[in-house]
Amino acid sequence: MALYRLKAALFYVSNLSAYMQSLTLSLILPVGVLLGGATSIARDYYR
């Protein structure tokens, strides 16, 4: 029984970490694109 609980906990933690990775990726990518676009626009503007 304890082994089953341990396996379930490990499975849950691995799923949670994968979910957090995908969440951070989906948050970081648009922010990075926005920052890159803003910096390029600012460079063109202040040239």
PDB file of N, CA and C in Angstrom:
ATOM      1  N   MET A   1       0.837  -1.203   0.000  1.00  0.00           N
ATOM      2  CA  MET A   1       0.000   0.000   0.000  1.00  0.00           C
ATOM      3  C   MET A   1       0.875   1.257   0.000  1.00  0.00           C
ATOM      4  N   ALA A   2       1.906   1.242   0.848  1.00  0.00           N
ATOM      5  CA  ALA A   2       2.787   2.409   0.915  1.00  0.00           C
ATOM      6  C   ALA A   2       3.532   2.585  -0.400  1.00  0.00           C
ATOM      7  N   LEU A   3       3.927   1.467  -1.013  1.00  0.00           N
ATOM      8  CA  LEU A   3       4.633   1.532  -2.292  1.00  0.00           C
ATOM      9  C   LEU A   3       3.732   2.142  -3.358  1.00  0.00           C
ATOM     10  N   TYR A   4       2.464   1.749  -3.336  1.00  0.00           N
ATOM     11  CA  TYR A   4       1.522   2.294  -4.311  1.00  0.00           C
ATOM     12  C   TYR A   4       1.373   3.804  -4.119  1.00  0.00           C
ATOM     13  N   ARG A   5       1.296   4.219  -2.858  1.00  0.00           N
ATOM     14  CA  ARG A   5       1.180   5.663  -2.579  1.00  0.00           C
ATOM     15  C   ARG A   5       2.425   6.400  -3.048  1.00  0.00           C
ATOM     16  N   LEU A   6       3.586   5.797  -2.825  1.00  0.00           N
ATOM     17  CA  LEU A   6       4.841   6.416  -3.253  1.00  0.00           C
ATOM     18  C   LEU A   6       4.868   6.557  -4.772  1.00  0.00           C
ATOM     19  N   LYS A   7       4.440   5.498  -5.473  1.00  0.00           N
ATOM     20  CA  LYS A   7       4.404   5.554  -6.935  1.00  0.00           C
ATOM     21  C   LYS A   7       3.439   6.635  -7.406  1.00  0.00           C
ATOM     22  N   ALA A   8       2.274   6.707  -6.768  1.00  0.00           N
ATOM     23  CA  ALA A   8       1.292   7.720  -7.154  1.00  0.00           C
ATOM     24  C   ALA A   8       1.843   9.120  -6.903  1.00  0.00           C
ATOM     25  N   ALA A   9       2.531   9.296  -5.779  1.00  0.00           N
ATOM     26  CA  ALA A   9       3.106  10.604  -5.467  1.00  0.00           C
ATOM     27  C   ALA A   9       4.184  10.971  -6.485  1.00  0.00           C
ATOM     28  N   LEU A  10       5.027  10.002  -6.841  1.00  0.00           N
ATOM     29  CA  LEU A  10       6.069  10.265  -7.838  1.00  0.00           C
ATOM     30  C   LEU A  10       5.449  10.619  -9.183  1.00  0.00           C
ATOM     31  N   PHE A  11       4.415   9.889  -9.569  1.00  0.00           N
ATOM     32  CA  PHE A  11       3.731  10.156 -10.836  1.00  0.00           C
ATOM     33  C   PHE A  11       3.138  11.561 -10.825  1.00  0.00           C
ATOM     34  N   TYR A  12       2.491  11.921  -9.705  1.00  0.00           N
ATOM     35  CA  TYR A  12       1.881  13.246  -9.579  1.00  0.00           C
ATOM     36  C   TYR A  12       2.935  14.340  -9.655  1.00  0.00           C
ATOM     37  N   VAL A  13       4.058  14.138  -8.978  1.00  0.00           N
ATOM     38  CA  VAL A  13       5.121  15.151  -8.972  1.00  0.00           C
ATOM     39  C   VAL A  13       5.717  15.314 -10.367  1.00  0.00           C
ATOM     40  N   SER A  14       5.930  14.186 -11.064  1.00  0.00           N
ATOM     41  CA  SER A  14       6.501  14.282 -12.415  1.00  0.00           C
ATOM     42  C   SER A  14       5.521  14.975 -13.355  1.00  0.00           C
ATOM     43  N   ASN A  15       4.227  14.674 -13.223  1.00  0.00           N
ATOM     44  CA  ASN A  15       3.231  15.351 -14.052  1.00  0.00           C
ATOM     45  C   ASN A  15       3.196  16.838 -13.733  1.00  0.00           C
ATOM     46  N   LEU A  16       3.278  17.156 -12.439  1.00  0.00           N
ATOM     47  CA  LEU A  16       3.236  18.555 -12.021  1.00  0.00           C
ATOM     48  C   LEU A  16       4.441  19.312 -12.565  1.00  0.00           C
ATOM     49  N   SER A  17       5.614  18.696 -12.509  1.00  0.00           N
ATOM     50  CA  SER A  17       6.811  19.378 -13.011  1.00  0.00           C
ATOM     51  C   SER A  17       6.717  19.584 -14.520  1.00  0.00           C
ATOM     52  N   ALA A  18       6.208  18.581 -15.239  1.00  0.00           N
ATOM     53  CA  ALA A  18       6.049  18.732 -16.690  1.00  0.00           C
ATOM     54  C   ALA A  18       5.037  19.835 -16.989  1.00  0.00           C
ATOM     55  N   TYR A  19       3.948  19.880 -16.211  1.00  0.00           N
ATOM     56  CA  TYR A  19       2.936  20.916 -16.406  1.00  0.00           C
ATOM     57  C   TYR A  19       3.513  22.300 -16.125  1.00  0.00           C
ATOM     58  N   MET A  20       4.306  22.405 -15.061  1.00  0.00           N
ATOM     59  CA  MET A  20       4.917  23.690 -14.737  1.00  0.00           C
ATOM     60  C   MET A  20       5.900  24.107 -15.827  1.00  0.00           C
ATOM     61  N   GLN A  21       6.649  23.148 -16.383  1.00  0.00           N
ATOM     62  CA  GLN A  21       7.583  23.465 -17.465  1.00  0.00           C
ATOM     63  C   GLN A  21       6.835  24.001 -18.673  1.00  0.00           C
ATOM     64  N   SER A  22       5.745  23.331 -19.056  1.00  0.00           N
ATOM     65  CA  SER A  22       4.984  23.795 -20.221  1.00  0.00           C
ATOM     66  C   SER A  22       4.362  25.156 -19.927  1.00  0.00           C
ATOM     67  N   LEU A  23       3.912  25.355 -18.681  1.00  0.00           N
ATOM     68  CA  LEU A  23       3.307  26.634 -18.310  1.00  0.00           C
ATOM     69  C   LEU A  23       4.341  27.748 -18.386  1.00  0.00           C
ATOM     70  N   THR A  24       5.530  27.514 -17.830  1.00  0.00           N
ATOM     71  CA  THR A  24       6.567  28.548 -17.876  1.00  0.00           C
ATOM     72  C   THR A  24       6.994  28.808 -19.311  1.00  0.00           C
ATOM     73  N   LEU A  25       7.047  27.758 -20.136  1.00  0.00           N
ATOM     74  CA  LEU A  25       7.404  27.949 -21.547  1.00  0.00           C
ATOM     75  C   LEU A  25       6.353  28.798 -22.239  1.00  0.00           C
ATOM     76  N   SER A  26       5.074  28.490 -22.017  1.00  0.00           N
ATOM     77  CA  SER A  26       4.013  29.241 -22.681  1.00  0.00           C
ATOM     78  C   SER A  26       3.942  30.666 -22.144  1.00  0.00           C
ATOM     79  N   LEU A  27       4.485  30.915 -20.948  1.00  0.00           N
ATOM     80  CA  LEU A  27       4.538  32.284 -20.434  1.00  0.00           C
ATOM     81  C   LEU A  27       5.781  33.008 -20.930  1.00  0.00           C
ATOM     82  N   ILE A  28       6.916  32.298 -20.971  1.00  0.00           N
ATOM     83  CA  ILE A  28       8.190  32.933 -21.330  1.00  0.00           C
ATOM     84  C   ILE A  28       8.238  33.274 -22.811  1.00  0.00           C
ATOM     85  N   LEU A  29       7.705  32.392 -23.668  1.00  0.00           N
ATOM     86  CA  LEU A  29       7.805  32.626 -25.111  1.00  0.00           C
ATOM     87  C   LEU A  29       7.123  33.925 -25.541  1.00  0.00           C
ATOM     88  N   PRO A  30       5.853  34.170 -25.200  1.00  0.00           N
ATOM     89  CA  PRO A  30       5.241  35.443 -25.618  1.00  0.00           C
ATOM     90  C   PRO A  30       5.933  36.652 -25.006  1.00  0.00           C
ATOM     91  N   VAL A  31       6.350  36.540 -23.745  1.00  0.00           N
ATOM     92  CA  VAL A  31       7.033  37.666 -23.099  1.00  0.00           C
ATOM     93  C   VAL A  31       8.351  37.953 -23.806  1.00  0.00           C
ATOM     94  N   GLY A  32       9.088  36.904 -24.151  1.00  0.00           N
ATOM     95  CA  GLY A  32      10.347  37.093 -24.872  1.00  0.00           C
ATOM     96  C   GLY A  32      10.111  37.704 -26.234  1.00  0.00           C
ATOM     97  N   VAL A  33       9.074  37.237 -26.931  1.00  0.00           N
ATOM     98  CA  VAL A  33       8.763  37.799 -28.255  1.00  0.00           C
ATOM     99  C   VAL A  33       8.377  39.270 -28.122  1.00  0.00           C
ATOM    100  N   LEU A  34       7.565  39.585 -27.123  1.00  0.00           N
ATOM    101  CA  LEU A  34       7.157  40.979 -26.915  1.00  0.00           C
ATOM    102  C   LEU A  34       8.360  41.847 -26.585  1.00  0.00           C
ATOM    103  N   LEU A  35       9.238  41.347 -25.704  1.00  0.00           N
ATOM    104  CA  LEU A  35      10.429  42.119 -25.344  1.00  0.00           C
ATOM    105  C   LEU A  35      11.329  42.314 -26.554  1.00  0.00           C
ATOM    106  N   GLY A  36      11.522  41.259 -27.336  1.00  0.00           N
ATOM    107  CA  GLY A  36      12.359  41.377 -28.528  1.00  0.00           C
ATOM    108  C   GLY A  36      11.767  42.375 -29.512  1.00  0.00           C
ATOM    109  N   GLY A  37      10.462  42.305 -29.735  1.00  0.00           N
ATOM    110  CA  GLY A  37       9.820  43.252 -30.645  1.00  0.00           C
ATOM    111  C   GLY A  37       9.917  44.677 -30.129  1.00  0.00           C
ATOM    112  N   ALA A  38       9.708  44.862 -28.827  1.00  0.00           N
ATOM    113  CA  ALA A  38       9.772  46.207 -28.255  1.00  0.00           C
ATOM    114  C   ALA A  38      11.182  46.769 -28.362  1.00  0.00           C
ATOM    115  N   THR A  39      12.193  45.940 -28.088  1.00  0.00           N
ATOM    116  CA  THR A  39      13.569  46.447 -28.164  1.00  0.00           C
ATOM    117  C   THR A  39      13.948  46.774 -29.604  1.00  0.00           C
ATOM    118  N   SER A  40      13.509  45.952 -30.560  1.00  0.00           N
ATOM    119  CA  SER A  40      13.833  46.247 -31.966  1.00  0.00           C
ATOM    120  C   SER A  40      13.120  47.516 -32.417  1.00  0.00           C
ATOM    121  N   ILE A  41      11.864  47.697 -31.993  1.00  0.00           N
ATOM    122  CA  ILE A  41      11.131  48.922 -32.354  1.00  0.00           C
ATOM    123  C   ILE A  41      11.812  50.130 -31.721  1.00  0.00           C
ATOM    124  N   ALA A  42      12.213  49.989 -30.454  1.00  0.00           N
ATOM    125  CA  ALA A  42      12.884  51.100 -29.773  1.00  0.00           C
ATOM    126  C   ALA A  42      14.208  51.421 -30.465  1.00  0.00           C
ATOM    127  N   ARG A  43      14.927  50.401 -30.905  1.00  0.00           N
ATOM    128  CA  ARG A  43      16.194  50.641 -31.606  1.00  0.00           C
ATOM    129  C   ARG A  43      15.937  51.404 -32.905  1.00  0.00           C
ATOM    130  N   ASP A  44      14.929  50.986 -33.646  1.00  0.00           N
ATOM    131  CA  ASP A  44      14.625  51.688 -34.897  1.00  0.00           C
ATOM    132  C   ASP A  44      14.178  53.121 -34.608  1.00  0.00           C
ATOM    133  N   TYR A  45      13.461  53.300 -33.498  1.00  0.00           N
ATOM    134  CA  TYR A  45      12.904  54.616 -33.184  1.00  0.00           C
ATOM    135  C   TYR A  45      13.986  55.581 -32.716  1.00  0.00           C
ATOM    136  N   TYR A  46      14.921  55.070 -31.905  1.00  0.00           N
ATOM    137  CA  TYR A  46      15.952  55.950 -31.334  1.00  0.00           C
ATOM    138  C   TYR A  46      17.213  56.005 -32.186  1.00  0.00           C
ATOM    139  N   ARG A  47      17.163  55.465 -33.389  1.00  0.00           N
ATOM    140  CA  ARG A  47      18.361  55.450 -34.210  1.00  0.00           C
ATOM    141  C   ARG A  47      18.678  56.859 -34.711  1.00  0.00           C
TER     142      ARG A  47
END
